[in-house]
Amino acid sequence: MRITNNPKERKPSPKRGRRQGCHERFLAGEFIGEQVRVVNSSCKGLLGIEGRISDETLNTFVLETREGVKRLPKKACVFFFPDAGETVDGMKILHRPEDRTKKIAKQK
């Protein structure tokens, strides 16, 4: 086997395909009970908020934080899930929890 540094000659790693599948499974799964942190937002007041998701609707997450319960819009935020090591744009999960599995499977 020949080792090369030319990216055009490299074959894709089999890990990349499996990793992508893991990401899709994570997006289609249950978020209630997951630890989450806002890493980017169009509303600067939401940056850095972290807590455990206690409820989810079509457009929002309800978080239990140290300061109390907060409702965050999915559309305006990018979330980091430290337990799963995943960063997720809120626009990709803008679905009802019960419909998300079907919709994400269709998007493949």
N, C-alpha and C. Protein backbone atom coordinates (compact mmCIF):
# COMPACT_ATOMS: atom_id res chain seq x y z
N MET A 1 0.84 -1.18 0.00
CA MET A 1 0.00 0.00 0.00
C MET A 1 0.89 1.25 0.00
N ARG A 2 0.59 2.16 -0.85
CA ARG A 2 1.35 3.38 -1.00
C ARG A 2 0.75 4.49 -0.14
N ILE A 3 1.57 5.16 0.63
CA ILE A 3 1.11 6.28 1.48
C ILE A 3 1.39 7.57 0.72
N THR A 4 0.40 8.45 0.69
CA THR A 4 0.54 9.71 -0.05
C THR A 4 -0.01 10.88 0.76
N ASN A 5 0.52 12.04 0.51
CA ASN A 5 0.01 13.26 1.14
C ASN A 5 -0.90 14.04 0.20
N ASN A 6 -1.03 13.58 -1.03
CA ASN A 6 -1.89 14.25 -2.00
C ASN A 6 -3.35 13.91 -1.68
N PRO A 7 -4.18 14.89 -1.31
CA PRO A 7 -5.56 14.59 -0.94
C PRO A 7 -6.38 13.99 -2.07
N LYS A 8 -6.02 14.24 -3.33
CA LYS A 8 -6.78 13.68 -4.44
C LYS A 8 -6.53 12.17 -4.57
N GLU A 9 -5.36 11.71 -4.10
CA GLU A 9 -5.03 10.30 -4.21
C GLU A 9 -5.49 9.50 -2.99
N ARG A 10 -5.85 10.17 -1.92
CA ARG A 10 -6.29 9.47 -0.71
C ARG A 10 -7.70 8.93 -0.89
N LYS A 11 -7.92 7.78 -0.30
CA LYS A 11 -9.27 7.22 -0.26
C LYS A 11 -9.93 7.68 1.04
N PRO A 12 -11.24 7.90 1.02
CA PRO A 12 -11.89 8.34 2.25
C PRO A 12 -11.77 7.27 3.33
N SER A 13 -11.59 7.73 4.54
CA SER A 13 -11.48 6.82 5.68
C SER A 13 -12.83 6.18 5.96
N PRO A 14 -12.86 4.89 6.27
CA PRO A 14 -14.15 4.27 6.60
C PRO A 14 -14.77 4.85 7.86
N LYS A 15 -13.96 5.45 8.72
CA LYS A 15 -14.48 6.06 9.94
C LYS A 15 -15.41 7.23 9.63
N ARG A 16 -15.14 7.96 8.56
CA ARG A 16 -15.97 9.12 8.23
C ARG A 16 -17.41 8.71 7.98
N GLY A 17 -17.61 7.64 7.27
CA GLY A 17 -18.97 7.16 6.99
C GLY A 17 -19.69 6.75 8.25
N ARG A 18 -18.99 6.04 9.12
CA ARG A 18 -19.62 5.62 10.37
C ARG A 18 -19.91 6.81 11.26
N ARG A 19 -19.03 7.77 11.26
CA ARG A 19 -19.23 8.96 12.09
C ARG A 19 -20.47 9.72 11.64
N GLN A 20 -20.63 9.86 10.34
CA GLN A 20 -21.80 10.55 9.80
C GLN A 20 -23.07 9.84 10.23
N GLY A 21 -23.07 8.52 10.21
CA GLY A 21 -24.23 7.75 10.63
C GLY A 21 -24.53 7.97 12.10
N CYS A 22 -23.49 8.05 12.91
CA CYS A 22 -23.68 8.29 14.35
C CYS A 22 -24.33 9.65 14.57
N HIS A 23 -23.90 10.66 13.79
CA HIS A 23 -24.47 12.00 13.91
C HIS A 23 -25.96 11.98 13.56
N GLU A 24 -26.30 11.28 12.49
CA GLU A 24 -27.71 11.20 12.08
C GLU A 24 -28.54 10.50 13.14
N ARG A 25 -28.01 9.43 13.72
CA ARG A 25 -28.73 8.72 14.78
C ARG A 25 -28.91 9.61 16.00
N PHE A 26 -27.89 10.40 16.31
CA PHE A 26 -28.00 11.31 17.45
C PHE A 26 -29.10 12.34 17.22
N LEU A 27 -29.14 12.92 16.02
CA LEU A 27 -30.16 13.93 15.70
C LEU A 27 -31.57 13.34 15.76
N ALA A 28 -31.72 12.09 15.41
CA ALA A 28 -33.03 11.46 15.40
C ALA A 28 -33.45 10.96 16.78
N GLY A 29 -32.53 10.98 17.74
CA GLY A 29 -32.82 10.44 19.07
C GLY A 29 -33.52 11.41 19.99
N GLU A 30 -33.62 10.97 21.24
CA GLU A 30 -34.30 11.74 22.28
C GLU A 30 -33.32 12.74 22.89
N PHE A 31 -33.73 14.00 23.06
CA PHE A 31 -32.88 15.03 23.63
C PHE A 31 -33.20 15.32 25.09
N ILE A 32 -34.38 14.95 25.55
CA ILE A 32 -34.76 15.24 26.94
C ILE A 32 -33.82 14.47 27.87
N GLY A 33 -33.25 15.20 28.82
CA GLY A 33 -32.29 14.62 29.76
C GLY A 33 -30.84 14.87 29.37
N GLU A 34 -30.60 15.34 28.15
CA GLU A 34 -29.24 15.61 27.68
C GLU A 34 -28.73 16.94 28.24
N GLN A 35 -27.44 16.97 28.55
CA GLN A 35 -26.76 18.21 28.95
C GLN A 35 -26.47 18.98 27.66
N VAL A 36 -26.65 20.30 27.66
CA VAL A 36 -26.45 21.11 26.45
C VAL A 36 -25.89 22.48 26.80
N ARG A 37 -25.15 23.08 25.85
CA ARG A 37 -24.61 24.43 26.02
C ARG A 37 -24.79 25.17 24.70
N VAL A 38 -25.16 26.44 24.76
CA VAL A 38 -25.30 27.28 23.57
C VAL A 38 -23.92 27.81 23.22
N VAL A 39 -23.41 27.44 22.03
CA VAL A 39 -22.06 27.88 21.63
C VAL A 39 -22.10 29.01 20.62
N ASN A 40 -23.23 29.22 19.97
CA ASN A 40 -23.38 30.33 19.03
C ASN A 40 -24.86 30.69 18.96
N SER A 41 -25.14 31.97 18.82
CA SER A 41 -26.52 32.39 18.75
C SER A 41 -26.62 33.76 18.10
N SER A 42 -27.73 33.99 17.40
CA SER A 42 -27.97 35.31 16.85
C SER A 42 -28.35 36.30 17.95
N CYS A 43 -28.79 35.78 19.08
CA CYS A 43 -29.10 36.59 20.26
C CYS A 43 -27.95 36.43 21.25
N LYS A 44 -27.11 37.43 21.40
CA LYS A 44 -25.90 37.33 22.21
C LYS A 44 -26.19 37.05 23.69
N GLY A 45 -27.39 37.34 24.14
CA GLY A 45 -27.75 37.06 25.53
C GLY A 45 -27.91 35.58 25.83
N LEU A 46 -28.01 34.77 24.79
CA LEU A 46 -28.18 33.33 24.98
C LEU A 46 -26.85 32.58 24.98
N LEU A 47 -25.77 33.24 24.56
CA LEU A 47 -24.47 32.58 24.48
C LEU A 47 -24.01 32.07 25.85
N GLY A 48 -23.54 30.83 25.87
CA GLY A 48 -22.98 30.26 27.09
C GLY A 48 -23.98 29.65 28.05
N ILE A 49 -25.27 29.79 27.77
CA ILE A 49 -26.27 29.17 28.66
C ILE A 49 -26.11 27.66 28.56
N GLU A 50 -26.09 27.01 29.72
CA GLU A 50 -25.99 25.56 29.72
C GLU A 50 -26.88 24.97 30.79
N GLY A 51 -27.32 23.77 30.53
CA GLY A 51 -28.20 23.09 31.47
C GLY A 51 -28.67 21.78 30.88
N ARG A 52 -29.63 21.17 31.56
CA ARG A 52 -30.19 19.89 31.13
C ARG A 52 -31.55 20.14 30.49
N ILE A 53 -31.78 19.52 29.34
CA ILE A 53 -33.06 19.70 28.63
C ILE A 53 -34.15 18.97 29.40
N SER A 54 -35.19 19.70 29.78
CA SER A 54 -36.31 19.10 30.51
C SER A 54 -37.55 18.96 29.65
N ASP A 55 -37.63 19.72 28.55
CA ASP A 55 -38.77 19.61 27.65
C ASP A 55 -38.36 20.14 26.28
N GLU A 56 -39.06 19.68 25.26
CA GLU A 56 -38.78 20.11 23.89
C GLU A 56 -40.09 20.29 23.14
N THR A 57 -40.16 21.37 22.38
CA THR A 57 -41.31 21.60 21.51
C THR A 57 -40.79 21.76 20.09
N LEU A 58 -41.67 22.10 19.17
CA LEU A 58 -41.30 22.31 17.78
C LEU A 58 -40.19 23.34 17.65
N ASN A 59 -40.28 24.45 18.36
CA ASN A 59 -39.36 25.57 18.19
C ASN A 59 -38.42 25.83 19.36
N THR A 60 -38.60 25.14 20.50
CA THR A 60 -37.82 25.50 21.67
C THR A 60 -37.31 24.29 22.45
N PHE A 61 -36.28 24.53 23.24
CA PHE A 61 -35.83 23.63 24.30
C PHE A 61 -36.11 24.34 25.62
N VAL A 62 -36.53 23.59 26.62
CA VAL A 62 -36.66 24.13 27.97
C VAL A 62 -35.51 23.53 28.78
N LEU A 63 -34.65 24.41 29.31
CA LEU A 63 -33.47 23.96 30.04
C LEU A 63 -33.61 24.24 31.52
N GLU A 64 -33.13 23.31 32.34
CA GLU A 64 -32.98 23.54 33.77
C GLU A 64 -31.53 23.99 33.97
N THR A 65 -31.35 25.25 34.34
CA THR A 65 -30.01 25.80 34.53
C THR A 65 -29.81 26.14 36.00
N ARG A 66 -28.63 26.59 36.36
CA ARG A 66 -28.35 27.02 37.74
C ARG A 66 -29.21 28.21 38.13
N GLU A 67 -29.51 29.06 37.14
CA GLU A 67 -30.29 30.27 37.42
C GLU A 67 -31.80 30.01 37.37
N GLY A 68 -32.21 28.82 37.02
CA GLY A 68 -33.63 28.49 36.92
C GLY A 68 -33.96 27.90 35.56
N VAL A 69 -35.24 27.87 35.24
CA VAL A 69 -35.70 27.29 33.99
C VAL A 69 -35.66 28.34 32.89
N LYS A 70 -35.10 27.97 31.74
CA LYS A 70 -35.01 28.90 30.60
C LYS A 70 -35.54 28.21 29.36
N ARG A 71 -36.25 28.96 28.53
CA ARG A 71 -36.76 28.47 27.25
C ARG A 71 -35.92 29.09 26.15
N LEU A 72 -35.26 28.23 25.34
CA LEU A 72 -34.37 28.71 24.28
C LEU A 72 -34.94 28.37 22.91
N PRO A 73 -34.91 29.32 21.99
CA PRO A 73 -35.36 29.03 20.62
C PRO A 73 -34.32 28.19 19.89
N LYS A 74 -34.75 27.14 19.23
CA LYS A 74 -33.82 26.29 18.46
C LYS A 74 -33.27 27.06 17.27
N LYS A 75 -34.13 27.82 16.62
CA LYS A 75 -33.79 28.49 15.36
C LYS A 75 -32.61 29.45 15.49
N ALA A 76 -32.46 30.07 16.65
CA ALA A 76 -31.46 31.11 16.83
C ALA A 76 -30.15 30.61 17.41
N CYS A 77 -30.04 29.30 17.67
CA CYS A 77 -28.88 28.81 18.43
C CYS A 77 -28.17 27.65 17.75
N VAL A 78 -26.90 27.51 18.11
CA VAL A 78 -26.11 26.32 17.80
C VAL A 78 -25.78 25.70 19.16
N PHE A 79 -26.11 24.41 19.31
CA PHE A 79 -25.98 23.73 20.59
C PHE A 79 -24.82 22.75 20.58
N PHE A 80 -24.16 22.62 21.73
CA PHE A 80 -23.12 21.60 21.91
C PHE A 80 -23.60 20.63 22.98
N PHE A 81 -23.60 19.34 22.65
CA PHE A 81 -24.00 18.29 23.57
C PHE A 81 -22.72 17.61 24.06
N PRO A 82 -22.20 17.96 25.25
CA PRO A 82 -20.90 17.44 25.69
C PRO A 82 -20.88 15.93 25.91
N ASP A 83 -21.97 15.33 26.36
CA ASP A 83 -21.99 13.88 26.59
C ASP A 83 -21.81 13.11 25.29
N ALA A 84 -22.37 13.63 24.20
CA ALA A 84 -22.28 12.97 22.90
C ALA A 84 -21.12 13.53 22.07
N GLY A 85 -20.61 14.69 22.47
CA GLY A 85 -19.54 15.33 21.70
C GLY A 85 -20.02 15.86 20.36
N GLU A 86 -21.27 16.25 20.28
CA GLU A 86 -21.89 16.71 19.02
C GLU A 86 -22.23 18.19 19.10
N THR A 87 -22.00 18.90 17.99
CA THR A 87 -22.45 20.28 17.84
C THR A 87 -23.56 20.26 16.79
N VAL A 88 -24.70 20.87 17.13
CA VAL A 88 -25.88 20.79 16.28
C VAL A 88 -26.45 22.18 16.04
N ASP A 89 -26.68 22.52 14.78
CA ASP A 89 -27.37 23.76 14.43
C ASP A 89 -28.86 23.56 14.71
N GLY A 90 -29.44 24.49 15.44
CA GLY A 90 -30.85 24.39 15.81
C GLY A 90 -31.78 24.29 14.62
N MET A 91 -31.39 24.84 13.47
CA MET A 91 -32.23 24.76 12.28
C MET A 91 -32.41 23.31 11.81
N LYS A 92 -31.43 22.45 12.08
CA LYS A 92 -31.51 21.06 11.64
C LYS A 92 -32.46 20.24 12.50
N ILE A 93 -32.77 20.72 13.69
CA ILE A 93 -33.64 19.96 14.59
C ILE A 93 -34.95 20.70 14.85
N LEU A 94 -35.33 21.54 13.93
CA LEU A 94 -36.54 22.34 14.05
C LEU A 94 -37.76 21.49 13.70
N HIS A 95 -38.01 20.48 14.49
CA HIS A 95 -39.13 19.56 14.30
C HIS A 95 -39.70 19.21 15.67
N ARG A 96 -40.93 18.71 15.66
CA ARG A 96 -41.50 18.16 16.88
C ARG A 96 -40.68 16.92 17.25
N PRO A 97 -40.50 16.67 18.54
CA PRO A 97 -39.68 15.52 18.92
C PRO A 97 -40.19 14.21 18.33
N GLU A 98 -41.50 14.04 18.28
CA GLU A 98 -42.07 12.79 17.77
C GLU A 98 -41.94 12.66 16.25
N ASP A 99 -41.75 13.77 15.54
CA ASP A 99 -41.63 13.74 14.07
C ASP A 99 -40.17 13.76 13.60
N ARG A 100 -39.25 14.12 14.47
CA ARG A 100 -37.87 14.32 14.06
C ARG A 100 -37.25 13.04 13.48
N THR A 101 -37.52 11.89 14.05
CA THR A 101 -36.94 10.63 13.56
C THR A 101 -37.32 10.41 12.11
N LYS A 102 -38.58 10.58 11.79
CA LYS A 102 -39.02 10.36 10.40
C LYS A 102 -38.43 11.37 9.45
N LYS A 103 -38.41 12.65 9.85
CA LYS A 103 -37.94 13.70 8.95
C LYS A 103 -36.44 13.62 8.70
N ILE A 104 -35.66 13.30 9.71
CA ILE A 104 -34.21 13.20 9.53
C ILE A 104 -33.87 11.98 8.69
N ALA A 105 -34.62 10.90 8.84
CA ALA A 105 -34.38 9.72 8.00
C ALA A 105 -34.67 10.02 6.53
N LYS A 106 -35.67 10.86 6.26
CA LYS A 106 -36.01 11.24 4.88
C LYS A 106 -34.94 12.13 4.24
N GLN A 107 -34.27 12.96 5.05
CA GLN A 107 -33.29 13.91 4.54
C GLN A 107 -32.03 13.24 4.02
N LYS A 108 -31.78 11.99 4.35
CA LYS A 108 -30.56 11.30 3.93
C LYS A 108 -30.46 11.16 2.45
